[in-house]
PDB file of N, CA and C in Angstrom:
ATOM      1  N   MET A   1     -73.572 -47.147   2.756  1.00  0.00           N
ATOM      2  CA  MET A   1     -72.421 -48.039   2.744  1.00  0.00           C
ATOM      3  C   MET A   1     -71.299 -47.403   2.054  1.00  0.00           C
ATOM      4  N   LYS A   2     -70.343 -47.428   2.189  1.00  0.00           N
ATOM      5  CA  LYS A   2     -69.070 -46.716   1.433  1.00  0.00           C
ATOM      6  C   LYS A   2     -68.160 -48.162   1.287  1.00  0.00           C
ATOM      7  N   LYS A   3     -68.199 -48.143  -0.207  1.00  0.00           N
ATOM      8  CA  LYS A   3     -67.591 -49.284  -0.478  1.00  0.00           C
ATOM      9  C   LYS A   3     -65.760 -49.082  -1.310  1.00  0.00           C
ATOM     10  N   ILE A   4     -65.116 -49.846  -0.749  1.00  0.00           N
ATOM     11  CA  ILE A   4     -63.736 -49.397  -1.140  1.00  0.00           C
ATOM     12  C   ILE A   4     -62.999 -50.849  -2.045  1.00  0.00           C
ATOM     13  N   ARG A   5     -62.754 -50.289  -3.471  1.00  0.00           N
ATOM     14  CA  ARG A   5     -62.607 -51.658  -4.093  1.00  0.00           C
ATOM     15  C   ARG A   5     -61.097 -50.812  -4.652  1.00  0.00           C
ATOM     16  N   ASP A   6     -60.638 -49.479  -4.261  1.00  0.00           N
ATOM     17  CA  ASP A   6     -59.508 -49.212  -5.311  1.00  0.00           C
ATOM     18  C   ASP A   6     -58.271 -49.522  -4.036  1.00  0.00           C
ATOM     19  N   PHE A   7     -57.206 -50.221  -4.718  1.00  0.00           N
ATOM     20  CA  PHE A   7     -56.122 -50.434  -3.894  1.00  0.00           C
ATOM     21  C   PHE A   7     -55.075 -49.732  -3.071  1.00  0.00           C
ATOM     22  N   SER A   8     -55.485 -48.070  -4.060  1.00  0.00           N
ATOM     23  CA  SER A   8     -54.426 -47.269  -3.373  1.00  0.00           C
ATOM     24  C   SER A   8     -55.268 -46.330  -2.471  1.00  0.00           C
ATOM     25  N   GLN A   9     -56.433 -46.803  -2.355  1.00  0.00           N
ATOM     26  CA  GLN A   9     -57.520 -46.058  -1.345  1.00  0.00           C
ATOM     27  C   GLN A   9     -57.324 -46.858   0.162  1.00  0.00           C
ATOM     28  N   ILE A  10     -57.054 -48.120  -0.068  1.00  0.00           N
ATOM     29  CA  ILE A  10     -56.615 -49.230   1.265  1.00  0.00           C
ATOM     30  C   ILE A  10     -55.681 -48.932   1.591  1.00  0.00           C
ATOM     31  N   ILE A  11     -54.358 -49.008   1.234  1.00  0.00           N
ATOM     32  CA  ILE A  11     -52.864 -48.492   1.341  1.00  0.00           C
ATOM     33  C   ILE A  11     -53.339 -47.003   2.032  1.00  0.00           C
ATOM     34  N   GLY A  12     -53.863 -46.088   1.511  1.00  0.00           N
ATOM     35  CA  GLY A  12     -54.087 -44.793   2.195  1.00  0.00           C
ATOM     36  C   GLY A  12     -54.582 -44.870   3.317  1.00  0.00           C
ATOM     37  N   LEU A  13     -55.346 -46.266   3.741  1.00  0.00           N
ATOM     38  CA  LEU A  13     -56.329 -46.166   4.830  1.00  0.00           C
ATOM     39  C   LEU A  13     -55.502 -46.776   5.833  1.00  0.00           C
ATOM     40  N   LEU A  14     -54.650 -47.649   5.546  1.00  0.00           N
ATOM     41  CA  LEU A  14     -53.806 -48.619   6.270  1.00  0.00           C
ATOM     42  C   LEU A  14     -52.930 -47.905   7.443  1.00  0.00           C
ATOM     43  N   GLU A  15     -53.310 -48.582   8.618  1.00  0.00           N
ATOM     44  CA  GLU A  15     -52.401 -48.147   9.969  1.00  0.00           C
ATOM     45  C   GLU A  15     -52.931 -46.293  10.472  1.00  0.00           C
ATOM     46  N   ASN A  16     -54.256 -46.212  10.089  1.00  0.00           N
ATOM     47  CA  ASN A  16     -54.500 -44.858  10.011  1.00  0.00           C
ATOM     48  C   ASN A  16     -53.873 -43.394   9.327  1.00  0.00           C
ATOM     49  N   GLY A  17     -53.282 -44.237   8.264  1.00  0.00           N
ATOM     50  CA  GLY A  17     -52.602 -43.062   7.374  1.00  0.00           C
ATOM     51  C   GLY A  17     -51.420 -43.548   7.234  1.00  0.00           C
ATOM     52  N   GLN A  18     -50.815 -44.086   8.365  1.00  0.00           N
ATOM     53  CA  GLN A  18     -49.400 -44.230   8.539  1.00  0.00           C
ATOM     54  C   GLN A  18     -48.440 -44.787   7.468  1.00  0.00           C
ATOM     55  N   LEU A  19     -49.143 -45.915   7.107  1.00  0.00           N
ATOM     56  CA  LEU A  19     -48.371 -46.864   6.111  1.00  0.00           C
ATOM     57  C   LEU A  19     -47.786 -46.248   4.897  1.00  0.00           C
ATOM     58  N   ASN A  20     -48.392 -45.399   4.534  1.00  0.00           N
ATOM     59  CA  ASN A  20     -48.213 -45.219   2.931  1.00  0.00           C
ATOM     60  C   ASN A  20     -47.222 -43.791   3.273  1.00  0.00           C
ATOM     61  N   PRO A  21     -46.859 -43.077   4.003  1.00  0.00           N
ATOM     62  CA  PRO A  21     -45.568 -42.185   4.321  1.00  0.00           C
ATOM     63  C   PRO A  21     -44.128 -42.818   4.760  1.00  0.00           C
ATOM     64  N   ALA A  22     -45.028 -44.119   5.701  1.00  0.00           N
ATOM     65  CA  ALA A  22     -43.579 -45.085   5.793  1.00  0.00           C
ATOM     66  C   ALA A  22     -42.863 -45.962   4.831  1.00  0.00           C
ATOM     67  N   LEU A  23     -44.032 -46.177   4.148  1.00  0.00           N
ATOM     68  CA  LEU A  23     -43.787 -47.079   2.857  1.00  0.00           C
ATOM     69  C   LEU A  23     -42.720 -45.967   1.949  1.00  0.00           C
ATOM     70  N   SER A  24     -42.911 -45.120   1.787  1.00  0.00           N
ATOM     71  CA  SER A  24     -42.407 -44.332   0.629  1.00  0.00           C
ATOM     72  C   SER A  24     -41.047 -43.824   1.064  1.00  0.00           C
ATOM     73  N   GLY A  25     -41.148 -43.418   2.656  1.00  0.00           N
ATOM     74  CA  GLY A  25     -39.908 -43.498   3.234  1.00  0.00           C
ATOM     75  C   GLY A  25     -38.841 -44.542   3.061  1.00  0.00           C
ATOM     76  N   GLU A  26     -39.491 -45.745   3.078  1.00  0.00           N
ATOM     77  CA  GLU A  26     -38.492 -46.785   2.868  1.00  0.00           C
ATOM     78  C   GLU A  26     -38.102 -46.953   1.600  1.00  0.00           C
ATOM     79  N   VAL A  27     -38.791 -46.864   0.463  1.00  0.00           N
ATOM     80  CA  VAL A  27     -38.591 -46.535  -0.957  1.00  0.00           C
ATOM     81  C   VAL A  27     -37.505 -45.437  -1.350  1.00  0.00           C
ATOM     82  N   SER A  28     -37.563 -44.648  -0.777  1.00  0.00           N
ATOM     83  CA  SER A  28     -36.900 -43.111  -0.691  1.00  0.00           C
ATOM     84  C   SER A  28     -35.447 -43.910  -0.169  1.00  0.00           C
ATOM     85  N   GLU A  29     -35.471 -44.391   0.567  1.00  0.00           N
ATOM     86  CA  GLU A  29     -34.067 -44.632   1.812  1.00  0.00           C
ATOM     87  C   GLU A  29     -33.707 -46.031   0.736  1.00  0.00           C
ATOM     88  N   THR A  30     -33.959 -47.007   0.385  1.00  0.00           N
ATOM     89  CA  THR A  30     -33.678 -48.066  -0.983  1.00  0.00           C
ATOM     90  C   THR A  30     -33.065 -47.223  -2.079  1.00  0.00           C
ATOM     91  N   LEU A  31     -33.242 -46.805  -2.373  1.00  0.00           N
ATOM     92  CA  LEU A  31     -33.200 -45.772  -4.091  1.00  0.00           C
ATOM     93  C   LEU A  31     -31.648 -44.939  -3.532  1.00  0.00           C
ATOM     94  N   ASN A  32     -31.766 -44.599  -2.034  1.00  0.00           N
ATOM     95  CA  ASN A  32     -30.740 -43.461  -1.703  1.00  0.00           C
ATOM     96  C   ASN A  32     -29.608 -44.247  -1.538  1.00  0.00           C
ATOM     97  N   LYS A  33     -29.701 -45.721  -0.932  1.00  0.00           N
ATOM     98  CA  LYS A  33     -28.550 -46.170  -0.728  1.00  0.00           C
ATOM     99  C   LYS A  33     -27.969 -47.031  -2.000  1.00  0.00           C
ATOM    100  N   LEU A  34     -29.045 -47.230  -3.330  1.00  0.00           N
ATOM    101  CA  LEU A  34     -28.668 -48.016  -4.699  1.00  0.00           C
ATOM    102  C   LEU A  34     -27.887 -46.463  -5.257  1.00  0.00           C
ATOM    103  N   TYR A  35     -28.340 -45.588  -5.388  1.00  0.00           N
ATOM    104  CA  TYR A  35     -27.237 -44.256  -5.597  1.00  0.00           C
ATOM    105  C   TYR A  35     -26.154 -44.196  -5.480  1.00  0.00           C
ATOM    106  N   ASP A  36     -26.060 -44.148  -3.796  1.00  0.00           N
ATOM    107  CA  ASP A  36     -24.776 -44.006  -3.204  1.00  0.00           C
ATOM    108  C   ASP A  36     -23.648 -45.039  -3.535  1.00  0.00           C
ATOM    109  N   MET A  37     -24.006 -46.413  -4.077  1.00  0.00           N
ATOM    110  CA  MET A  37     -23.223 -47.046  -4.097  1.00  0.00           C
ATOM    111  C   MET A  37     -23.012 -47.287  -5.820  1.00  0.00           C
ATOM    112  N   SER A  38     -24.135 -46.737  -6.602  1.00  0.00           N
ATOM    113  CA  SER A  38     -23.412 -46.624  -8.006  1.00  0.00           C
ATOM    114  C   SER A  38     -22.705 -45.081  -8.268  1.00  0.00           C
ATOM    115  N   GLU A  39     -22.422 -44.294  -7.538  1.00  0.00           N
ATOM    116  CA  GLU A  39     -21.418 -43.329  -7.507  1.00  0.00           C
ATOM    117  C   GLU A  39     -20.118 -43.830  -7.445  1.00  0.00           C
ATOM    118  N   GLY A  40     -19.114 -43.411  -8.616  1.00  0.00           N
ATOM    119  CA  GLY A  40     -18.081 -43.840  -8.685  1.00  0.00           C
ATOM    120  C   GLY A  40     -18.103 -45.220  -9.337  1.00  0.00           C
ATOM    121  N   SER A  41     -19.092 -45.681  -9.605  1.00  0.00           N
ATOM    122  CA  SER A  41     -18.922 -47.225 -10.251  1.00  0.00           C
ATOM    123  C   SER A  41     -19.753 -47.082 -11.332  1.00  0.00           C
ATOM    124  N   GLN A  42     -19.217 -46.240 -12.413  1.00  0.00           N
ATOM    125  CA  GLN A  42     -19.540 -46.107 -13.809  1.00  0.00           C
ATOM    126  C   GLN A  42     -19.648 -47.560 -14.420  1.00  0.00           C
ATOM    127  N   GLY A  43     -21.114 -48.065 -14.966  1.00  0.00           N
ATOM    128  CA  GLY A  43     -21.520 -48.754 -15.652  1.00  0.00           C
ATOM    129  C   GLY A  43     -21.751 -50.199 -14.929  1.00  0.00           C
ATOM    130  N   ALA A  44     -21.339 -49.903 -13.413  1.00  0.00           N
ATOM    131  CA  ALA A  44     -21.981 -51.125 -12.662  1.00  0.00           C
ATOM    132  C   ALA A  44     -23.948 -51.216 -12.627  1.00  0.00           C
ATOM    133  N   THR A  45     -24.190 -52.348 -12.462  1.00  0.00           N
ATOM    134  CA  THR A  45     -25.707 -52.283 -11.845  1.00  0.00           C
ATOM    135  C   THR A  45     -25.606 -52.554 -10.276  1.00  0.00           C
ATOM    136  N   PHE A  46     -26.436 -52.073  -9.473  1.00  0.00           N
ATOM    137  CA  PHE A  46     -27.050 -52.071  -8.255  1.00  0.00           C
ATOM    138  C   PHE A  46     -28.217 -52.230  -7.771  1.00  0.00           C
ATOM    139  N   LYS A  47     -28.728 -53.499  -7.686  1.00  0.00           N
ATOM    140  CA  LYS A  47     -30.285 -53.534  -7.454  1.00  0.00           C
ATOM    141  C   LYS A  47     -30.719 -53.871  -5.872  1.00  0.00           C
ATOM    142  N   GLY A  48     -31.973 -53.190  -5.924  1.00  0.00           N
ATOM    143  CA  GLY A  48     -32.699 -53.641  -4.897  1.00  0.00           C
ATOM    144  C   GLY A  48     -34.345 -53.987  -4.782  1.00  0.00           C
ATOM    145  N   SER A  49     -34.729 -53.968  -3.855  1.00  0.00           N
ATOM    146  CA  SER A  49     -36.399 -54.247  -3.552  1.00  0.00           C
ATOM    147  C   SER A  49     -36.742 -53.733  -2.104  1.00  0.00           C
ATOM    148  N   THR A  50     -38.014 -53.169  -2.276  1.00  0.00           N
ATOM    149  CA  THR A  50     -38.837 -53.142  -1.227  1.00  0.00           C
ATOM    150  C   THR A  50     -40.336 -53.795  -1.637  1.00  0.00           C
ATOM    151  N   THR A  51     -40.233 -54.838  -0.117  1.00  0.00           N
ATOM    152  CA  THR A  51     -41.832 -56.135  -0.411  1.00  0.00           C
ATOM    153  C   THR A  51     -42.611 -55.467   0.467  1.00  0.00           C
ATOM    154  N   LEU A  52     -44.109 -55.096   0.033  1.00  0.00           N
ATOM    155  CA  LEU A  52     -44.792 -55.009   1.006  1.00  0.00           C
ATOM    156  C   LEU A  52     -45.781 -56.450   0.928  1.00  0.00           C
ATOM    157  N   LYS A  53     -45.859 -56.789   2.278  1.00  0.00           N
ATOM    158  CA  LYS A  53     -46.714 -57.698   2.698  1.00  0.00           C
ATOM    159  C   LYS A  53     -48.168 -57.308   3.442  1.00  0.00           C
ATOM    160  N   LEU A  54     -49.135 -57.910   2.794  1.00  0.00           N
ATOM    161  CA  LEU A  54     -50.489 -57.728   3.659  1.00  0.00           C
ATOM    162  C   LEU A  54     -50.957 -58.863   3.983  1.00  0.00           C
ATOM    163  N   SER A  55     -51.283 -59.215   5.516  1.00  0.00           N
ATOM    164  CA  SER A  55     -52.056 -60.472   5.815  1.00  0.00           C
ATOM    165  C   SER A  55     -53.311 -60.250   6.454  1.00  0.00           C
ATOM    166  N   PHE A  56     -54.471 -60.592   5.663  1.00  0.00           N
ATOM    167  CA  PHE A  56     -55.933 -60.765   5.992  1.00  0.00           C
ATOM    168  C   PHE A  56     -56.170 -61.590   6.701  1.00  0.00           C
ATOM    169  N   THR A  57     -56.842 -61.051   7.464  1.00  0.00           N
ATOM    170  CA  THR A  57     -58.073 -62.008   8.518  1.00  0.00           C
ATOM    171  C   THR A  57     -59.240 -61.766   8.425  1.00  0.00           C
ATOM    172  N   VAL A  58     -60.390 -62.428   8.143  1.00  0.00           N
ATOM    173  CA  VAL A  58     -61.305 -61.968   8.191  1.00  0.00           C
ATOM    174  C   VAL A  58     -62.546 -63.232   9.501  1.00  0.00           C
ATOM    175  N   LYS A  59     -63.051 -62.521  10.439  1.00  0.00           N
ATOM    176  CA  LYS A  59     -63.750 -63.094  11.468  1.00  0.00           C
ATOM    177  C   LYS A  59     -64.995 -62.482  11.301  1.00  0.00           C
ATOM    178  N   ASP A  60     -66.552 -63.652  11.530  1.00  0.00           N
ATOM    179  CA  ASP A  60     -67.950 -62.586  11.436  1.00  0.00           C
ATOM    180  C   ASP A  60     -67.757 -61.359  10.993  1.00  0.00           C
ATOM    181  N   GLY A  61     -67.430 -61.528   9.180  1.00  0.00           N
ATOM    182  CA  GLY A  61     -67.673 -60.268   8.646  1.00  0.00           C
ATOM    183  C   GLY A  61     -66.610 -59.325   8.568  1.00  0.00           C
ATOM    184  N   MET A  62     -66.009 -59.148  10.032  1.00  0.00           N
ATOM    185  CA  MET A  62     -65.075 -57.943   9.789  1.00  0.00           C
ATOM    186  C   MET A  62     -63.426 -58.473   9.418  1.00  0.00           C
ATOM    187  N   ALA A  63     -62.973 -57.790   8.606  1.00  0.00           N
ATOM    188  CA  ALA A  63     -61.748 -57.734   8.056  1.00  0.00           C
ATOM    189  C   ALA A  63     -60.295 -56.793   8.821  1.00  0.00           C
ATOM    190  N   THR A  64     -59.617 -57.723   8.900  1.00  0.00           N
ATOM    191  CA  THR A  64     -58.287 -57.025   9.547  1.00  0.00           C
ATOM    192  C   THR A  64     -57.105 -57.385   8.585  1.00  0.00           C
ATOM    193  N   ILE A  65     -56.398 -56.179   8.217  1.00  0.00           N
ATOM    194  CA  ILE A  65     -55.154 -55.764   7.382  1.00  0.00           C
ATOM    195  C   ILE A  65     -54.297 -55.655   8.345  1.00  0.00           C
ATOM    196  N   ALA A  66     -52.939 -56.612   8.500  1.00  0.00           N
ATOM    197  CA  ALA A  66     -51.794 -56.323   9.007  1.00  0.00           C
ATOM    198  C   ALA A  66     -50.568 -56.221   7.939  1.00  0.00           C
ATOM    199  N   ALA A  67     -50.014 -55.155   7.630  1.00  0.00           N
ATOM    200  CA  ALA A  67     -49.176 -55.088   7.138  1.00  0.00           C
ATOM    201  C   ALA A  67     -47.752 -54.788   7.445  1.00  0.00           C
ATOM    202  N   ASP A  68     -46.785 -55.354   6.475  1.00  0.00           N
ATOM    203  CA  ASP A  68     -45.663 -55.305   6.709  1.00  0.00           C
ATOM    204  C   ASP A  68     -44.438 -55.106   5.749  1.00  0.00           C
ATOM    205  N   PHE A  69     -43.143 -54.399   5.752  1.00  0.00           N
ATOM    206  CA  PHE A  69     -42.732 -54.078   4.566  1.00  0.00           C
ATOM    207  C   PHE A  69     -41.104 -54.259   4.942  1.00  0.00           C
ATOM    208  N   SER A  70     -40.426 -54.731   3.838  1.00  0.00           N
ATOM    209  CA  SER A  70     -38.765 -54.660   4.217  1.00  0.00           C
ATOM    210  C   SER A  70     -38.138 -54.406   2.995  1.00  0.00           C
ATOM    211  N   SER A  71     -37.043 -54.094   3.054  1.00  0.00           N
ATOM    212  CA  SER A  71     -36.365 -53.788   1.395  1.00  0.00           C
ATOM    213  C   SER A  71     -34.955 -54.768   1.746  1.00  0.00           C
ATOM    214  N   ILE A  72     -33.947 -54.713   0.833  1.00  0.00           N
ATOM    215  CA  ILE A  72     -33.098 -55.630   0.594  1.00  0.00           C
ATOM    216  C   ILE A  72     -32.346 -54.649  -0.307  1.00  0.00           C
ATOM    217  N   THR A  73     -31.309 -54.583  -0.036  1.00  0.00           N
ATOM    218  CA  THR A  73     -29.866 -53.436  -1.157  1.00  0.00           C
ATOM    219  C   THR A  73     -28.942 -54.601  -0.651  1.00  0.00           C
ATOM    220  N   PRO A  74     -27.662 -54.986  -2.229  1.00  0.00           N
ATOM    221  CA  PRO A  74     -26.518 -55.383  -2.010  1.00  0.00           C
ATOM    222  C   PRO A  74     -25.717 -54.636  -0.691  1.00  0.00           C
ATOM    223  N   LYS A  75     -25.004 -55.497  -0.481  1.00  0.00           N
ATOM    224  CA  LYS A  75     -23.697 -55.195   0.770  1.00  0.00           C
ATOM    225  C   LYS A  75     -22.990 -54.131  -0.089  1.00  0.00           C
ATOM    226  N   ARG A  76     -22.332 -53.375   0.683  1.00  0.00           N
ATOM    227  CA  ARG A  76     -21.486 -52.700   0.099  1.00  0.00           C
ATOM    228  C   ARG A  76     -20.079 -53.054  -0.015  1.00  0.00           C
ATOM    229  N   PRO A  77     -19.414 -53.014  -1.274  1.00  0.00           N
ATOM    230  CA  PRO A  77     -18.432 -53.883  -1.598  1.00  0.00           C
ATOM    231  C   PRO A  77     -16.983 -53.544  -0.509  1.00  0.00           C
ATOM    232  N   ARG A  78     -16.241 -54.312   0.012  1.00  0.00           N
ATOM    233  CA  ARG A  78     -15.109 -53.906   0.428  1.00  0.00           C
ATOM    234  C   ARG A  78     -13.802 -54.109  -0.275  1.00  0.00           C
ATOM    235  N   LYS A  79     -12.928 -53.645   0.393  1.00  0.00           N
ATOM    236  CA  LYS A  79     -11.610 -53.691  -0.345  1.00  0.00           C
ATOM    237  C   LYS A  79     -10.714 -54.930   0.441  1.00  0.00           C
ATOM    238  N   ASN A  80     -10.154 -55.484  -0.182  1.00  0.00           N
ATOM    239  CA  ASN A  80      -9.108 -56.293   0.389  1.00  0.00           C
ATOM    240  C   ASN A  80      -7.929 -56.219   1.158  1.00  0.00           C
ATOM    241  N   SER A  81      -7.432 -56.783   2.052  1.00  0.00           N
ATOM    242  CA  SER A  81      -5.861 -56.760   2.682  1.00  0.00           C
ATOM    243  C   SER A  81      -5.507 -57.435   2.625  1.00  0.00           C
ATOM    244  N   VAL A  82      -4.033 -57.317   2.239  1.00  0.00           N
ATOM    245  CA  VAL A  82      -3.221 -58.295   1.898  1.00  0.00           C
ATOM    246  C   VAL A  82      -1.897 -58.086   3.186  1.00  0.00           C
ATOM    247  N   PHE A  83      -1.723 -59.366   3.535  1.00  0.00           N
ATOM    248  CA  PHE A  83      -0.703 -59.439   4.241  1.00  0.00           C
ATOM    249  C   PHE A  83       0.040 -61.053   3.916  1.00  0.00           C
ATOM    250  N   TRP A  84       1.057 -60.967   5.001  1.00  0.00           N
ATOM    251  CA  TRP A  84       1.844 -62.710   4.221  1.00  0.00           C
ATOM    252  C   TRP A  84       1.912 -63.351   5.901  1.00  0.00           C
ATOM    253  N   VAL A  85       2.165 -64.667   5.639  1.00  0.00           N
ATOM    254  CA  VAL A  85       1.843 -65.392   6.880  1.00  0.00           C
ATOM    255  C   VAL A  85       3.280 -65.890   6.908  1.00  0.00           C
ATOM    256  N   VAL A  86       3.230 -65.463   8.155  1.00  0.00           N
ATOM    257  CA  VAL A  86       5.176 -65.755   8.960  1.00  0.00           C
ATOM    258  C   VAL A  86       5.451 -67.209   9.843  1.00  0.00           C
ATOM    259  N   GLU A  87       6.538 -66.911  10.499  1.00  0.00           N
ATOM    260  CA  GLU A  87       6.196 -67.894  11.429  1.00  0.00           C
ATOM    261  C   GLU A  87       5.386 -68.049  12.650  1.00  0.00           C
ATOM    262  N   ASP A  88       5.084 -69.165  13.064  1.00  0.00           N
ATOM    263  CA  ASP A  88       4.004 -69.338  14.182  1.00  0.00           C
ATOM    264  C   ASP A  88       2.577 -68.711  13.871  1.00  0.00           C
ATOM    265  N   GLY A  89       2.301 -68.687  12.344  1.00  0.00           N
ATOM    266  CA  GLY A  89       1.188 -68.082  12.038  1.00  0.00           C
ATOM    267  C   GLY A  89       1.051 -66.789  12.012  1.00  0.00           C
ATOM    268  N   ALA A  90       1.903 -66.299  12.412  1.00  0.00           N
ATOM    269  CA  ALA A  90       1.656 -64.617  12.604  1.00  0.00           C
ATOM    270  C   ALA A  90       1.496 -63.884  11.474  1.00  0.00           C
ATOM    271  N   LEU A  91       0.866 -62.641  11.064  1.00  0.00           N
ATOM    272  CA  LEU A  91       1.021 -62.017   9.983  1.00  0.00           C
ATOM    273  C   LEU A  91       1.842 -60.706  10.092  1.00  0.00           C
ATOM    274  N   SER A  92       2.171 -60.374   8.835  1.00  0.00           N
ATOM    275  CA  SER A  92       3.220 -59.295   8.567  1.00  0.00           C
ATOM    276  C   SER A  92       2.970 -58.304   7.069  1.00  0.00           C
ATOM    277  N   THR A  93       2.976 -57.045   7.503  1.00  0.00           N
ATOM    278  CA  THR A  93       2.564 -56.414   6.161  1.00  0.00           C
ATOM    279  C   THR A  93       4.027 -56.354   5.089  1.00  0.00           C
ATOM    280  N   GLU A  94       5.102 -56.976   5.425  1.00  0.00           N
ATOM    281  CA  GLU A  94       6.301 -57.274   5.193  1.00  0.00           C
ATOM    282  C   GLU A  94       6.491 -58.877   4.024  1.00  0.00           C
ATOM    283  N   HIS A  95       6.924 -58.591   2.969  1.00  0.00           N
ATOM    284  CA  HIS A  95       6.995 -60.201   2.166  1.00  0.00           C
ATOM    285  C   HIS A  95       8.309 -60.541   2.844  1.00  0.00           C
ATOM    286  N   PRO A  96       8.380 -61.501   3.531  1.00  0.00           N
ATOM    287  CA  PRO A  96       8.864 -62.497   4.370  1.00  0.00           C
ATOM    288  C   PRO A  96      10.179 -62.594   3.332  1.00  0.00           C
ATOM    289  N   ARG A  97      10.421 -62.727   2.641  1.00  0.00           N
ATOM    290  CA  ARG A  97      11.675 -63.148   1.614  1.00  0.00           C
ATOM    291  C   ARG A  97      12.080 -61.790   0.687  1.00  0.00           C
ATOM    292  N   GLN A  98      11.941 -60.648   1.266  1.00  0.00           N
ATOM    293  CA  GLN A  98      12.031 -59.657   0.612  1.00  0.00           C
ATOM    294  C   GLN A  98      13.287 -58.595   1.968  1.00  0.00           C
ATOM    295  N   HIS A  99      14.251 -58.156   1.236  1.00  0.00           N
ATOM    296  CA  HIS A  99      15.020 -57.487   2.348  1.00  0.00           C
ATOM    297  C   HIS A  99      14.048 -55.906   2.213  1.00  0.00           C
ATOM    298  N   ASP A 100      14.268 -55.001   3.334  1.00  0.00           N
ATOM    299  CA  ASP A 100      13.706 -53.843   3.447  1.00  0.00           C
ATOM    300  C   ASP A 100      15.046 -53.161   3.002  1.00  0.00           C
ATOM    301  N   MET A 101      14.839 -52.657   1.638  1.00  0.00           N
ATOM    302  CA  MET A 101      16.212 -51.522   1.225  1.00  0.00           C
ATOM    303  C   MET A 101      16.447 -50.410   2.363  1.00  0.00           C
ATOM    304  N   PHE A 102      15.596 -50.144   2.739  1.00  0.00           N
ATOM    305  CA  PHE A 102      15.626 -48.737   3.724  1.00  0.00           C
ATOM    306  C   PHE A 102      15.966 -49.030   5.234  1.00  0.00           C
ATOM    307  N   THR A 103      15.828 -50.039   5.715  1.00  0.00           N
ATOM    308  CA  THR A 103      16.666 -50.495   6.739  1.00  0.00           C
ATOM    309  C   THR A 103      18.007 -50.333   6.997  1.00  0.00           C
ATOM    310  N   PRO A 104      18.586 -49.364   8.219  1.00  0.00           N
ATOM    311  CA  PRO A 104      19.652 -48.882   8.546  1.00  0.00           C
ATOM    312  C   PRO A 104      20.590 -50.082   8.823  1.00  0.00           C
ATOM    313  N   ARG A 105      21.589 -50.279   7.894  1.00  0.00           N
ATOM    314  CA  ARG A 105      22.520 -51.217   8.439  1.00  0.00           C
ATOM    315  C   ARG A 105      24.039 -50.494   9.034  1.00  0.00           C
ATOM    316  N   ALA A 106      24.520 -51.549   9.768  1.00  0.00           N
ATOM    317  CA  ALA A 106      25.419 -50.460  10.495  1.00  0.00           C
ATOM    318  C   ALA A 106      26.710 -50.502   9.787  1.00  0.00           C
ATOM    319  N   VAL A 107      27.563 -49.606   9.963  1.00  0.00           N
ATOM    320  CA  VAL A 107      28.762 -49.042   8.597  1.00  0.00           C
ATOM    321  C   VAL A 107      30.122 -49.286   9.428  1.00  0.00           C
ATOM    322  N   SER A 108      30.868 -50.482   8.752  1.00  0.00           N
ATOM    323  CA  SER A 108      32.089 -50.520   9.187  1.00  0.00           C
ATOM    324  C   SER A 108      33.028 -49.678   9.643  1.00  0.00           C
ATOM    325  N   SER A 109      33.748 -49.659  10.675  1.00  0.00           N
ATOM    326  CA  SER A 109      34.668 -48.604  10.973  1.00  0.00           C
ATOM    327  C   SER A 109      35.905 -48.711  10.371  1.00  0.00           C
ATOM    328  N   GLU A 110      36.344 -49.711   9.479  1.00  0.00           N
ATOM    329  CA  GLU A 110      37.533 -50.065   9.228  1.00  0.00           C
ATOM    330  C   GLU A 110      37.845 -49.175   7.602  1.00  0.00           C
ATOM    331  N   GLU A 111      38.818 -48.978   7.763  1.00  0.00           N
ATOM    332  CA  GLU A 111      38.890 -48.190   6.201  1.00  0.00           C
ATOM    333  C   GLU A 111      39.194 -49.171   5.188  1.00  0.00           C
ATOM    334  N   PRO A 112      39.020 -49.343   4.166  1.00  0.00           N
ATOM    335  CA  PRO A 112      39.056 -50.028   3.029  1.00  0.00           C
ATOM    336  C   PRO A 112      40.704 -50.176   2.752  1.00  0.00           C
ATOM    337  N   ASN A 113      41.256 -51.503   2.562  1.00  0.00           N
ATOM    338  CA  ASN A 113      42.412 -51.949   2.615  1.00  0.00           C
ATOM    339  C   ASN A 113      42.936 -51.353   0.933  1.00  0.00           C
ATOM    340  N   ARG A 114      43.983 -50.265   1.133  1.00  0.00           N
ATOM    341  CA  ARG A 114      44.557 -49.988  -0.054  1.00  0.00           C
ATOM    342  C   ARG A 114      45.984 -50.116   0.036  1.00  0.00           C
ATOM    343  N   GLN A 115      46.074 -50.729  -1.694  1.00  0.00           N
ATOM    344  CA  GLN A 115      47.289 -51.093  -1.903  1.00  0.00           C
ATOM    345  C   GLN A 115      48.151 -49.942  -2.833  1.00  0.00           C
ATOM    346  N   SER A 116      49.326 -50.313  -2.003  1.00  0.00           N
ATOM    347  CA  SER A 116      50.407 -48.746  -2.648  1.00  0.00           C
ATOM    348  C   SER A 116      50.686 -49.350  -3.849  1.00  0.00           C
ATOM    349  N   GLN A 117      50.984 -48.224  -4.460  1.00  0.00           N
ATOM    350  CA  GLN A 117      51.241 -48.156  -5.817  1.00  0.00           C
ATOM    351  C   GLN A 117      52.475 -48.015  -6.423  1.00  0.00           C
TER     352      GLN A 117
END
């Protein structure tokens, strides 16, 4: 009778040997996401986790082990956009109290009044 007491052996046998590589891939993906988030964010800390859950059922001396895992990583920070609320609740990218310096204005065709000397 072969006895299994080592947890690493149990993990290696679960799901016909497919759990270990799947879990390894999940850990790698989690670390890659955290690494990508940390790029260009000098001094910032990004945390994540991978959780393995094993559920055990024993009936008539036979054990069944169901495995599940999940990972959590922080949401990627997103940039804010600034708009101005104008009449009727519409949004504008231009400040309503500032005049646009670059808006063309009509030029008067009248010559300025010159006084004679």
